Amino acid sequence: MSVLIYAENADGKFKKSTFEAVSYARAIADQSNTILTALSIGDVSADELSALAKYGADKILNVSNSQLKNFVNQAYASVIAEAAKKEDADVVVLSNSFSGRGLAPRVGVKLEAGIVDGAVALPEINGGKFTVKKTAFSGKAFATVELTSVNKVIALTPNSFKIAEVAKPVKVEDFSTEVKASDFKAILKEIVRSTDKISLPDAEIVVSGGRGLKGPENWGMIEELADLLGAATACSKPVSDAGWRPHNEHVGQTGIAVSPNLYIAIGISGAIQHLAGISSSKVIVAINKDPEAPIFKVADYGIVGDAFEVIPKLITAIKEHKALV
């Protein structure tokens, strides 16, 4: 038996969350004293593929198929399942990304596997049983799930497992399998990515703004603060609905769920739908002039004050600190 990791890429480049998942899968393989195979689908360069070996892959299966150049959920799930069967892999690991959340249940059905999505820690392995800690109730709690099935699918929450470099010799193999027409009933015709910004799901720091900023013309200080911190920018649902910011920055239950090391909420009251998308953040800092704002109930640190007074002072302090370093 072995472990298979699906190495997700974006435009031919592996993301930080992919390397986290590879490190996680390597640790599971070590616990089980078995090998780790990485599966890459799409046009990925040889140099980029070799990066997977740095994080512990023993073997890499490379799928280069013109039909699979762009992500197609059902087709990718079929390839992952076939690769797992070929490698006799009883554990399949994915990143719990937007794509991974769609792939995990499909792969699970094809392999008749038990599934854990939103995993945040290594499983405790006792014989063939895996006990896995995961997020629950939109990130507001943790649950412990027991997988007793022969095959298991685990989707790892981004920013929940430390990347570890384990240099190993690796063998790259071309892998091909039949792709059925029925796998292409629904396809993505176009993917538009924000190439000049840090990806929200992968960001370690997120600076987010709400209606307290009063209008899109005031977002300059949010972007300046984010640039100084090397952070991604985000917003609440009312802000994106009003057209102040693009919908791909909307964080919340109906938007993007994030799990950064630091989440800074500026002028966000803290509706339950927003909190559901940020509750996996390790540290939450809230800045709001309303001392009764719900965001303060979940914040690790809170500043009661006007954002238009607090943020400029914070920007100045960071610039002064950077000048001394």
C-alpha atoms as a PDB file:
ATOM      1  CA  MET A   1       0.000   0.000   0.000  1.00  0.00           C
ATOM      2  CA  SER A   2       1.104   3.604  -0.515  1.00  0.00           C
ATOM      3  CA  VAL A   3       0.094   7.278  -0.329  1.00  0.00           C
ATOM      4  CA  LEU A   4      -0.880   9.428  -3.319  1.00  0.00           C
ATOM      5  CA  ILE A   5      -0.843  13.231  -3.274  1.00  0.00           C
ATOM      6  CA  TYR A   6      -2.626  15.219  -5.988  1.00  0.00           C
ATOM      7  CA  ALA A   7      -0.297  18.172  -6.643  1.00  0.00           C
ATOM      8  CA  GLU A   8      -2.570  21.000  -7.763  1.00  0.00           C
ATOM      9  CA  ASN A   9      -1.049  23.674  -9.992  1.00  0.00           C
ATOM     10  CA  ALA A  10      -2.183  27.085 -11.220  1.00  0.00           C
ATOM     11  CA  ASP A  11      -1.063  27.920 -14.757  1.00  0.00           C
ATOM     12  CA  GLY A  12       1.747  25.370 -14.520  1.00  0.00           C
ATOM     13  CA  LYS A  13       3.028  26.527 -11.122  1.00  0.00           C
ATOM     14  CA  PHE A  14       2.611  24.699  -7.834  1.00  0.00           C
ATOM     15  CA  LYS A  15       1.167  26.763  -5.010  1.00  0.00           C
ATOM     16  CA  LYS A  16       2.315  26.944  -1.391  1.00  0.00           C
ATOM     17  CA  SER A  17      -0.731  24.921  -0.356  1.00  0.00           C
ATOM     18  CA  THR A  18       0.432  22.141  -2.691  1.00  0.00           C
ATOM     19  CA  PHE A  19       3.797  21.895  -0.955  1.00  0.00           C
ATOM     20  CA  GLU A  20       2.009  21.862   2.408  1.00  0.00           C
ATOM     21  CA  ALA A  21      -0.093  18.925   1.195  1.00  0.00           C
ATOM     22  CA  VAL A  22       3.006  17.102  -0.092  1.00  0.00           C
ATOM     23  CA  SER A  23       4.740  17.565   3.288  1.00  0.00           C
ATOM     24  CA  TYR A  24       1.591  16.320   5.030  1.00  0.00           C
ATOM     25  CA  ALA A  25       1.359  13.282   2.763  1.00  0.00           C
ATOM     26  CA  ARG A  26       5.077  12.574   3.318  1.00  0.00           C
ATOM     27  CA  ALA A  27       4.484  12.516   7.071  1.00  0.00           C
ATOM     28  CA  ILE A  28       1.581  10.067   6.633  1.00  0.00           C
ATOM     29  CA  ALA A  29       3.757   7.860   4.404  1.00  0.00           C
ATOM     30  CA  ASP A  30       6.484   7.871   7.068  1.00  0.00           C
ATOM     31  CA  GLN A  31       3.951   6.947   9.751  1.00  0.00           C
ATOM     32  CA  SER A  32       2.852   4.012   7.606  1.00  0.00           C
ATOM     33  CA  ASN A  33       6.389   3.124   6.458  1.00  0.00           C
ATOM     34  CA  THR A  34       5.421   3.326   2.803  1.00  0.00           C
ATOM     35  CA  ILE A  35       6.147   5.378  -0.327  1.00  0.00           C
ATOM     36  CA  LEU A  36       4.656   8.651  -1.523  1.00  0.00           C
ATOM     37  CA  THR A  37       3.627   9.233  -5.128  1.00  0.00           C
ATOM     38  CA  ALA A  38       2.777  12.725  -6.407  1.00  0.00           C
ATOM     39  CA  LEU A  39       0.343  13.144  -9.290  1.00  0.00           C
ATOM     40  CA  SER A  40       0.504  16.251 -11.487  1.00  0.00           C
ATOM     41  CA  ILE A  41      -2.118  16.979 -14.145  1.00  0.00           C
ATOM     42  CA  GLY A  42      -1.629  19.585 -16.863  1.00  0.00           C
ATOM     43  CA  ASP A  43       1.264  21.402 -18.508  1.00  0.00           C
ATOM     44  CA  VAL A  44       3.976  21.585 -15.859  1.00  0.00           C
ATOM     45  CA  SER A  45       7.692  22.015 -16.634  1.00  0.00           C
ATOM     46  CA  ALA A  46      10.327  19.462 -15.625  1.00  0.00           C
ATOM     47  CA  ASP A  47      11.901  21.976 -13.240  1.00  0.00           C
ATOM     48  CA  GLU A  48       8.574  22.611 -11.560  1.00  0.00           C
ATOM     49  CA  LEU A  49       7.912  18.871 -11.239  1.00  0.00           C
ATOM     50  CA  SER A  50      11.311  18.322  -9.629  1.00  0.00           C
ATOM     51  CA  ALA A  51      10.282  20.740  -6.855  1.00  0.00           C
ATOM     52  CA  LEU A  52       7.880  18.079  -5.566  1.00  0.00           C
ATOM     53  CA  ALA A  53      10.864  15.893  -4.696  1.00  0.00           C
ATOM     54  CA  LYS A  54      12.137  18.574  -2.303  1.00  0.00           C
ATOM     55  CA  TYR A  55       9.164  17.909  -0.074  1.00  0.00           C
ATOM     56  CA  GLY A  56       9.327  14.143  -0.015  1.00  0.00           C
ATOM     57  CA  ALA A  57       7.778  12.606  -3.129  1.00  0.00           C
ATOM     58  CA  ASP A  58       9.386   9.263  -4.026  1.00  0.00           C
ATOM     59  CA  LYS A  59       7.806   9.173  -7.465  1.00  0.00           C
ATOM     60  CA  ILE A  60       5.980  11.641  -9.696  1.00  0.00           C
ATOM     61  CA  LEU A  61       3.277  10.728 -12.180  1.00  0.00           C
ATOM     62  CA  ASN A  62       2.912  13.393 -14.856  1.00  0.00           C
ATOM     63  CA  VAL A  63      -0.302  13.603 -16.876  1.00  0.00           C
ATOM     64  CA  SER A  64       0.014  15.728 -19.992  1.00  0.00           C
ATOM     65  CA  ASN A  65      -3.198  15.540 -21.969  1.00  0.00           C
ATOM     66  CA  SER A  66      -4.623  18.332 -24.120  1.00  0.00           C
ATOM     67  CA  GLN A  67      -8.128  17.487 -22.860  1.00  0.00           C
ATOM     68  CA  LEU A  68      -6.936  18.075 -19.301  1.00  0.00           C
ATOM     69  CA  LYS A  69      -5.059  21.316 -19.890  1.00  0.00           C
ATOM     70  CA  ASN A  70      -7.761  23.173 -17.968  1.00  0.00           C
ATOM     71  CA  PHE A  71      -9.358  21.942 -14.763  1.00  0.00           C
ATOM     72  CA  VAL A  72     -12.407  19.714 -15.257  1.00  0.00           C
ATOM     73  CA  ASN A  73     -13.703  18.397 -11.950  1.00  0.00           C
ATOM     74  CA  GLN A  74     -15.103  15.011 -12.955  1.00  0.00           C
ATOM     75  CA  ALA A  75     -12.287  14.238 -15.402  1.00  0.00           C
ATOM     76  CA  TYR A  76      -9.568  15.122 -12.890  1.00  0.00           C
ATOM     77  CA  ALA A  77     -11.301  12.978 -10.258  1.00  0.00           C
ATOM     78  CA  SER A  78     -11.277  10.017 -12.659  1.00  0.00           C
ATOM     79  CA  VAL A  79      -7.542  10.443 -13.321  1.00  0.00           C
ATOM     80  CA  ILE A  80      -6.738  10.726  -9.609  1.00  0.00           C
ATOM     81  CA  ALA A  81      -8.741   7.586  -8.845  1.00  0.00           C
ATOM     82  CA  GLU A  82      -7.053   5.637 -11.647  1.00  0.00           C
ATOM     83  CA  ALA A  83      -3.624   6.779 -10.456  1.00  0.00           C
ATOM     84  CA  ALA A  84      -4.476   5.619  -6.920  1.00  0.00           C
ATOM     85  CA  LYS A  85      -5.451   2.204  -8.255  1.00  0.00           C
ATOM     86  CA  LYS A  86      -2.278   1.956 -10.350  1.00  0.00           C
ATOM     87  CA  GLU A  87      -0.075   2.813  -7.361  1.00  0.00           C
ATOM     88  CA  ASP A  88      -2.094   0.643  -4.975  1.00  0.00           C
ATOM     89  CA  ALA A  89      -2.557   3.766  -2.850  1.00  0.00           C
ATOM     90  CA  ASP A  90      -4.970   3.404   0.048  1.00  0.00           C
ATOM     91  CA  VAL A  91      -4.553   7.058   1.116  1.00  0.00           C
ATOM     92  CA  VAL A  92      -5.145  10.014  -1.221  1.00  0.00           C
ATOM     93  CA  VAL A  93      -4.245  13.520  -0.036  1.00  0.00           C
ATOM     94  CA  LEU A  94      -5.406  16.796  -1.625  1.00  0.00           C
ATOM     95  CA  SER A  95      -5.350  20.434  -0.645  1.00  0.00           C
ATOM     96  CA  ASN A  96      -8.741  21.606   0.638  1.00  0.00           C
ATOM     97  CA  SER A  97      -8.729  24.373  -1.972  1.00  0.00           C
ATOM     98  CA  PHE A  98     -11.640  25.427  -4.168  1.00  0.00           C
ATOM     99  CA  SER A  99     -10.727  22.607  -6.581  1.00  0.00           C
ATOM    100  CA  GLY A 100      -9.904  20.119  -3.840  1.00  0.00           C
ATOM    101  CA  ARG A 101     -13.293  20.531  -2.160  1.00  0.00           C
ATOM    102  CA  GLY A 102     -14.942  19.447  -5.391  1.00  0.00           C
ATOM    103  CA  LEU A 103     -12.505  16.632  -6.115  1.00  0.00           C
ATOM    104  CA  ALA A 104     -12.406  14.919  -2.707  1.00  0.00           C
ATOM    105  CA  PRO A 105     -15.990  13.554  -2.664  1.00  0.00           C
ATOM    106  CA  ARG A 106     -15.788  12.443  -6.304  1.00  0.00           C
ATOM    107  CA  VAL A 107     -12.519  10.613  -5.707  1.00  0.00           C
ATOM    108  CA  GLY A 108     -13.992   9.131  -2.549  1.00  0.00           C
ATOM    109  CA  VAL A 109     -16.953   7.678  -4.443  1.00  0.00           C
ATOM    110  CA  LYS A 110     -14.729   6.219  -7.153  1.00  0.00           C
ATOM    111  CA  LEU A 111     -12.448   4.554  -4.580  1.00  0.00           C
ATOM    112  CA  GLU A 112     -15.237   3.677  -2.109  1.00  0.00           C
ATOM    113  CA  ALA A 113     -13.218   5.640   0.430  1.00  0.00           C
ATOM    114  CA  GLY A 114     -13.929   7.419   3.675  1.00  0.00           C
ATOM    115  CA  ILE A 115     -13.368  11.196   3.437  1.00  0.00           C
ATOM    116  CA  VAL A 116     -12.123  13.945   5.733  1.00  0.00           C
ATOM    117  CA  ASP A 117     -12.186  17.463   4.350  1.00  0.00           C
ATOM    118  CA  GLY A 118     -10.696  20.433   6.181  1.00  0.00           C
ATOM    119  CA  ALA A 119      -8.068  18.343   8.013  1.00  0.00           C
ATOM    120  CA  VAL A 120      -5.797  20.443  10.253  1.00  0.00           C
ATOM    121  CA  ALA A 121      -3.493  17.853  11.817  1.00  0.00           C
ATOM    122  CA  LEU A 122      -1.779  14.562  11.074  1.00  0.00           C
ATOM    123  CA  PRO A 123      -3.973  11.518  11.640  1.00  0.00           C
ATOM    124  CA  GLU A 124      -3.456   9.189  14.558  1.00  0.00           C
ATOM    125  CA  ILE A 125      -2.990   5.786  12.954  1.00  0.00           C
ATOM    126  CA  ASN A 126      -4.016   2.635  14.784  1.00  0.00           C
ATOM    127  CA  GLY A 127      -3.884  -0.372  12.534  1.00  0.00           C
ATOM    128  CA  GLY A 128      -6.097   0.503   9.582  1.00  0.00           C
ATOM    129  CA  LYS A 129      -8.018   3.229  11.445  1.00  0.00           C
ATOM    130  CA  PHE A 130      -7.200   6.929  10.964  1.00  0.00           C
ATOM    131  CA  THR A 131      -8.357   9.485  13.551  1.00  0.00           C
ATOM    132  CA  VAL A 132      -8.227  12.948  11.982  1.00  0.00           C
ATOM    133  CA  LYS A 133      -8.852  16.409  13.437  1.00  0.00           C
ATOM    134  CA  LYS A 134     -10.783  18.735  11.092  1.00  0.00           C
ATOM    135  CA  THR A 135     -12.704  21.994  11.071  1.00  0.00           C
ATOM    136  CA  ALA A 136     -16.480  21.840  11.509  1.00  0.00           C
ATOM    137  CA  PHE A 137     -19.518  24.159  11.405  1.00  0.00           C
ATOM    138  CA  SER A 138     -17.922  26.511   8.849  1.00  0.00           C
ATOM    139  CA  GLY A 139     -14.714  26.649  10.869  1.00  0.00           C
ATOM    140  CA  LYS A 140     -16.367  27.575  14.187  1.00  0.00           C
ATOM    141  CA  ALA A 141     -15.356  24.280  15.835  1.00  0.00           C
ATOM    142  CA  PHE A 142     -13.167  21.214  15.446  1.00  0.00           C
ATOM    143  CA  ALA A 143     -14.289  17.633  15.011  1.00  0.00           C
ATOM    144  CA  THR A 144     -12.473  14.331  15.297  1.00  0.00           C
ATOM    145  CA  VAL A 145     -13.335  11.870  12.555  1.00  0.00           C
ATOM    146  CA  GLU A 146     -12.480   8.165  12.441  1.00  0.00           C
ATOM    147  CA  LEU A 147     -11.822   6.623   9.037  1.00  0.00           C
ATOM    148  CA  THR A 148     -12.161   2.856   9.180  1.00  0.00           C
ATOM    149  CA  SER A 149     -12.530   2.197   5.443  1.00  0.00           C
ATOM    150  CA  VAL A 150      -9.739   0.504   3.509  1.00  0.00           C
ATOM    151  CA  ASN A 151      -9.273   3.546   1.273  1.00  0.00           C
ATOM    152  CA  LYS A 152      -9.117   7.070   2.648  1.00  0.00           C
ATOM    153  CA  VAL A 153      -9.256  10.571   1.122  1.00  0.00           C
ATOM    154  CA  ILE A 154      -7.963  13.528   3.164  1.00  0.00           C
ATOM    155  CA  ALA A 155      -8.197  17.177   2.105  1.00  0.00           C
ATOM    156  CA  LEU A 156      -5.789  19.404   4.054  1.00  0.00           C
ATOM    157  CA  THR A 157      -6.739  22.960   5.076  1.00  0.00           C
ATOM    158  CA  PRO A 158      -4.216  25.472   3.650  1.00  0.00           C
ATOM    159  CA  ASN A 159      -1.849  27.081   6.206  1.00  0.00           C
ATOM    160  CA  SER A 160      -2.479  24.308   8.742  1.00  0.00           C
ATOM    161  CA  PHE A 161       0.663  22.194   8.211  1.00  0.00           C
ATOM    162  CA  LYS A 162       4.269  23.335   8.092  1.00  0.00           C
ATOM    163  CA  ILE A 163       6.212  22.790   4.877  1.00  0.00           C
ATOM    164  CA  ALA A 164       9.212  20.512   5.422  1.00  0.00           C
ATOM    165  CA  GLU A 165      11.933  19.961   2.851  1.00  0.00           C
ATOM    166  CA  VAL A 166      13.011  16.327   2.541  1.00  0.00           C
ATOM    167  CA  ALA A 167      15.375  15.991  -0.395  1.00  0.00           C
ATOM    168  CA  LYS A 168      14.896  12.600  -2.055  1.00  0.00           C
ATOM    169  CA  PRO A 169      15.853  11.053  -5.377  1.00  0.00           C
ATOM    170  CA  VAL A 170      12.734  10.981  -7.514  1.00  0.00           C
ATOM    171  CA  LYS A 171      11.558   9.255 -10.646  1.00  0.00           C
ATOM    172  CA  VAL A 172       9.197  11.010 -13.049  1.00  0.00           C
ATOM    173  CA  GLU A 173       6.858   8.848 -15.103  1.00  0.00           C
ATOM    174  CA  ASP A 174       4.349   9.789 -17.762  1.00  0.00           C
ATOM    175  CA  PHE A 175       0.917   8.553 -16.796  1.00  0.00           C
ATOM    176  CA  SER A 176      -1.982   8.201 -19.182  1.00  0.00           C
ATOM    177  CA  THR A 177      -5.441   6.817 -18.679  1.00  0.00           C
ATOM    178  CA  GLU A 178      -8.641   6.782 -20.677  1.00  0.00           C
ATOM    179  CA  VAL A 179     -10.727   9.922 -20.232  1.00  0.00           C
ATOM    180  CA  LYS A 180     -14.399   9.284 -20.911  1.00  0.00           C
ATOM    181  CA  ALA A 181     -16.652  11.712 -22.765  1.00  0.00           C
ATOM    182  CA  SER A 182     -19.072  11.536 -19.835  1.00  0.00           C
ATOM    183  CA  ASP A 183     -16.414  13.221 -17.683  1.00  0.00           C
ATOM    184  CA  PHE A 184     -16.781  16.391 -19.747  1.00  0.00           C
ATOM    185  CA  LYS A 185     -20.496  17.086 -19.351  1.00  0.00           C
ATOM    186  CA  ALA A 186     -19.599  20.224 -17.392  1.00  0.00           C
ATOM    187  CA  ILE A 187     -16.408  22.121 -18.164  1.00  0.00           C
ATOM    188  CA  LEU A 188     -14.792  25.412 -17.254  1.00  0.00           C
ATOM    189  CA  LYS A 189     -14.490  27.501 -20.396  1.00  0.00           C
ATOM    190  CA  GLU A 190     -12.260  30.175 -18.918  1.00  0.00           C
ATOM    191  CA  ILE A 191     -10.310  30.855 -15.723  1.00  0.00           C
ATOM    192  CA  VAL A 192      -9.230  34.434 -15.023  1.00  0.00           C
ATOM    193  CA  ARG A 193      -6.617  34.767 -12.301  1.00  0.00           C
ATOM    194  CA  SER A 194      -5.355  37.854 -10.498  1.00  0.00           C
ATOM    195  CA  THR A 195      -1.678  37.419 -11.296  1.00  0.00           C
ATOM    196  CA  ASP A 196      -0.517  40.621  -9.596  1.00  0.00           C
ATOM    197  CA  LYS A 197      -1.901  39.748  -6.159  1.00  0.00           C
ATOM    198  CA  ILE A 198      -1.266  37.229  -3.428  1.00  0.00           C
ATOM    199  CA  SER A 199      -3.776  34.380  -3.584  1.00  0.00           C
ATOM    200  CA  LEU A 200      -6.292  34.690  -0.740  1.00  0.00           C
ATOM    201  CA  PRO A 201      -6.456  30.955   0.131  1.00  0.00           C
ATOM    202  CA  ASP A 202      -2.638  30.793   0.306  1.00  0.00           C
ATOM    203  CA  ALA A 203      -2.037  34.130   2.053  1.00  0.00           C
ATOM    204  CA  GLU A 204      -0.377  34.076   5.461  1.00  0.00           C
ATOM    205  CA  ILE A 205      -1.587  37.621   6.188  1.00  0.00           C
ATOM    206  CA  VAL A 206      -4.902  39.106   5.034  1.00  0.00           C
ATOM    207  CA  VAL A 207      -5.990  42.748   5.340  1.00  0.00           C
ATOM    208  CA  SER A 208      -9.754  43.036   4.919  1.00  0.00           C
ATOM    209  CA  GLY A 209     -12.119  45.994   4.766  1.00  0.00           C
ATOM    210  CA  GLY A 210     -15.839  46.463   5.304  1.00  0.00           C
ATOM    211  CA  ARG A 211     -18.529  49.078   4.978  1.00  0.00           C
ATOM    212  CA  GLY A 212     -16.825  51.157   7.669  1.00  0.00           C
ATOM    213  CA  LEU A 213     -14.481  52.414   4.939  1.00  0.00           C
ATOM    214  CA  LYS A 214     -17.471  54.297   3.456  1.00  0.00           C
ATOM    215  CA  GLY A 215     -16.520  53.867  -0.215  1.00  0.00           C
ATOM    216  CA  PRO A 216     -14.103  52.387  -2.788  1.00  0.00           C
ATOM    217  CA  GLU A 217     -12.154  55.654  -2.921  1.00  0.00           C
ATOM    218  CA  ASN A 218     -10.806  54.929   0.570  1.00  0.00           C
ATOM    219  CA  TRP A 219      -9.296  51.552  -0.265  1.00  0.00           C
ATOM    220  CA  GLY A 220      -5.860  53.042  -0.918  1.00  0.00           C
ATOM    221  CA  MET A 221      -4.853  52.760   2.721  1.00  0.00           C
ATOM    222  CA  ILE A 222      -5.986  49.106   2.823  1.00  0.00           C
ATOM    223  CA  GLU A 223      -3.795  48.310  -0.182  1.00  0.00           C
ATOM    224  CA  GLU A 224      -0.866  50.287   1.233  1.00  0.00           C
ATOM    225  CA  LEU A 225      -1.072  48.428   4.546  1.00  0.00           C
ATOM    226  CA  ALA A 226      -1.309  45.098   2.708  1.00  0.00           C
ATOM    227  CA  ASP A 227       1.740  45.942   0.572  1.00  0.00           C
ATOM    228  CA  LEU A 228       3.783  46.817   3.665  1.00  0.00           C
ATOM    229  CA  LEU A 229       2.839  43.528   5.331  1.00  0.00           C
ATOM    230  CA  GLY A 230       3.133  41.354   2.209  1.00  0.00           C
ATOM    231  CA  ALA A 231      -0.545  40.544   2.627  1.00  0.00           C
ATOM    232  CA  ALA A 232      -3.539  39.774   0.441  1.00  0.00           C
ATOM    233  CA  THR A 233      -6.503  42.152   0.391  1.00  0.00           C
ATOM    234  CA  ALA A 234     -10.062  41.035   1.092  1.00  0.00           C
ATOM    235  CA  CYS A 235     -13.488  42.449   1.872  1.00  0.00           C
ATOM    236  CA  SER A 236     -16.868  41.631   3.383  1.00  0.00           C
ATOM    237  CA  LYS A 237     -19.883  40.583   1.292  1.00  0.00           C
ATOM    238  CA  PRO A 238     -21.697  43.953   1.379  1.00  0.00           C
ATOM    239  CA  VAL A 239     -18.560  45.601  -0.017  1.00  0.00           C
ATOM    240  CA  SER A 240     -18.322  43.236  -2.992  1.00  0.00           C
ATOM    241  CA  ASP A 241     -22.106  43.380  -3.537  1.00  0.00           C
ATOM    242  CA  ALA A 242     -21.881  47.178  -3.721  1.00  0.00           C
ATOM    243  CA  GLY A 243     -19.176  46.900  -6.356  1.00  0.00           C
ATOM    244  CA  TRP A 244     -16.525  48.577  -4.222  1.00  0.00           C
ATOM    245  CA  ARG A 245     -14.238  45.553  -4.569  1.00  0.00           C
ATOM    246  CA  PRO A 246     -14.207  42.505  -6.893  1.00  0.00           C
ATOM    247  CA  HIS A 247     -16.112  39.413  -5.829  1.00  0.00           C
ATOM    248  CA  ASN A 248     -12.903  37.338  -5.775  1.00  0.00           C
ATOM    249  CA  GLU A 249     -11.931  39.289  -2.630  1.00  0.00           C
ATOM    250  CA  HIS A 250     -15.157  38.442  -0.787  1.00  0.00           C
ATOM    251  CA  VAL A 251     -14.350  36.463   2.375  1.00  0.00           C
ATOM    252  CA  GLY A 252     -17.139  34.651   4.179  1.00  0.00           C
ATOM    253  CA  GLN A 253     -19.497  31.693   4.185  1.00  0.00           C
ATOM    254  CA  THR A 254     -20.639  32.373   0.607  1.00  0.00           C
ATOM    255  CA  GLY A 255     -17.232  33.637  -0.507  1.00  0.00           C
ATOM    256  CA  ILE A 256     -13.693  32.453   0.145  1.00  0.00           C
ATOM    257  CA  ALA A 257     -12.784  30.793   3.442  1.00  0.00           C
ATOM    258  CA  VAL A 258      -9.315  31.790   4.617  1.00  0.00           C
ATOM    259  CA  SER A 259      -6.950  30.441   7.281  1.00  0.00           C
ATOM    260  CA  PRO A 260      -4.063  32.916   7.465  1.00  0.00           C
ATOM    261  CA  ASN A 261      -1.652  33.360  10.350  1.00  0.00           C
ATOM    262  CA  LEU A 262      -2.957  36.929  10.709  1.00  0.00           C
ATOM    263  CA  TYR A 263      -6.339  38.386   9.660  1.00  0.00           C
ATOM    264  CA  ILE A 264      -6.843  42.136  10.057  1.00  0.00           C
ATOM    265  CA  ALA A 265     -10.512  43.196   9.865  1.00  0.00           C
ATOM    266  CA  ILE A 266     -10.989  46.935   9.314  1.00  0.00           C
ATOM    267  CA  GLY A 267     -14.440  48.475   9.516  1.00  0.00           C
ATOM    268  CA  ILE A 268     -16.108  45.043   9.488  1.00  0.00           C
ATOM    269  CA  SER A 269     -18.940  44.540  11.992  1.00  0.00           C
ATOM    270  CA  GLY A 270     -18.626  40.750  12.021  1.00  0.00           C
ATOM    271  CA  ALA A 271     -21.818  39.201  10.672  1.00  0.00           C
ATOM    272  CA  ILE A 272     -22.049  35.449  11.260  1.00  0.00           C
ATOM    273  CA  GLN A 273     -21.566  34.759   7.537  1.00  0.00           C
ATOM    274  CA  HIS A 274     -18.270  36.665   7.550  1.00  0.00           C
ATOM    275  CA  LEU A 275     -17.038  35.014  10.735  1.00  0.00           C
ATOM    276  CA  ALA A 276     -17.655  31.599   9.171  1.00  0.00           C
ATOM    277  CA  GLY A 277     -15.057  32.387   6.524  1.00  0.00           C
ATOM    278  CA  ILE A 278     -12.326  33.655   8.862  1.00  0.00           C
ATOM    279  CA  SER A 279     -12.662  31.495  11.980  1.00  0.00           C
ATOM    280  CA  SER A 280      -9.716  29.286  10.997  1.00  0.00           C
ATOM    281  CA  SER A 281      -7.373  32.287  11.161  1.00  0.00           C
ATOM    282  CA  LYS A 282      -4.678  31.836  13.808  1.00  0.00           C
ATOM    283  CA  VAL A 283      -4.774  35.479  14.966  1.00  0.00           C
ATOM    284  CA  ILE A 284      -7.600  37.975  14.291  1.00  0.00           C
ATOM    285  CA  VAL A 285      -7.129  41.724  14.766  1.00  0.00           C
ATOM    286  CA  ALA A 286     -10.262  43.888  14.621  1.00  0.00           C
ATOM    287  CA  ILE A 287     -10.352  47.658  14.092  1.00  0.00           C
ATOM    288  CA  ASN A 288     -13.823  49.190  14.498  1.00  0.00           C
ATOM    289  CA  LYS A 289     -15.211  52.353  16.075  1.00  0.00           C
ATOM    290  CA  ASP A 290     -18.227  50.459  17.481  1.00  0.00           C
ATOM    291  CA  PRO A 291     -17.183  48.781  20.768  1.00  0.00           C
ATOM    292  CA  GLU A 292     -20.223  46.480  20.516  1.00  0.00           C
ATOM    293  CA  ALA A 293     -19.336  45.139  17.052  1.00  0.00           C
ATOM    294  CA  PRO A 294     -19.616  41.305  16.991  1.00  0.00           C
ATOM    295  CA  ILE A 295     -16.134  41.039  15.427  1.00  0.00           C
ATOM    296  CA  PHE A 296     -14.601  41.832  18.828  1.00  0.00           C
ATOM    297  CA  LYS A 297     -16.066  38.618  20.291  1.00  0.00           C
ATOM    298  CA  VAL A 298     -13.819  36.508  18.059  1.00  0.00           C
ATOM    299  CA  ALA A 299     -10.834  38.852  17.786  1.00  0.00           C
ATOM    300  CA  ASP A 300      -7.587  38.080  19.585  1.00  0.00           C
ATOM    301  CA  TYR A 301      -6.754  41.783  19.561  1.00  0.00           C
ATOM    302  CA  GLY A 302      -9.133  44.708  19.149  1.00  0.00           C
ATOM    303  CA  ILE A 303      -8.734  48.421  18.531  1.00  0.00           C
ATOM    304  CA  VAL A 304     -11.791  50.587  19.177  1.00  0.00           C
ATOM    305  CA  GLY A 305     -11.275  53.595  16.947  1.00  0.00           C
ATOM    306  CA  ASP A 306     -11.936  55.271  13.630  1.00  0.00           C
ATOM    307  CA  ALA A 307     -10.166  53.395  10.814  1.00  0.00           C
ATOM    308  CA  PHE A 308      -9.338  56.692   9.140  1.00  0.00           C
ATOM    309  CA  GLU A 309      -7.289  57.650  12.203  1.00  0.00           C
ATOM    310  CA  VAL A 310      -5.912  54.229  13.175  1.00  0.00           C
ATOM    311  CA  ILE A 311      -4.716  52.897   9.801  1.00  0.00           C
ATOM    312  CA  PRO A 312      -2.565  55.929   8.816  1.00  0.00           C
ATOM    313  CA  LYS A 313      -0.856  55.734  12.218  1.00  0.00           C
ATOM    314  CA  LEU A 314      -0.341  51.993  11.789  1.00  0.00           C
ATOM    315  CA  ILE A 315       1.146  52.511   8.309  1.00  0.00           C
ATOM    316  CA  THR A 316       3.515  55.173   9.665  1.00  0.00           C
ATOM    317  CA  ALA A 317       4.618  52.913  12.521  1.00  0.00           C
ATOM    318  CA  ILE A 318       5.330  50.002  10.166  1.00  0.00           C
ATOM    319  CA  LYS A 319       7.349  52.237   7.817  1.00  0.00           C
ATOM    320  CA  GLU A 320       9.381  53.547  10.767  1.00  0.00           C
ATOM    321  CA  HIS A 321      10.006  50.016  11.977  1.00  0.00           C
ATOM    322  CA  LYS A 322      11.110  48.862   8.524  1.00  0.00           C
ATOM    323  CA  ALA A 323      13.488  51.812   8.269  1.00  0.00           C
ATOM    324  CA  LEU A 324      15.249  50.619  11.414  1.00  0.00           C
ATOM    325  CA  VAL A 325      15.585  46.987  10.337  1.00  0.00           C
END
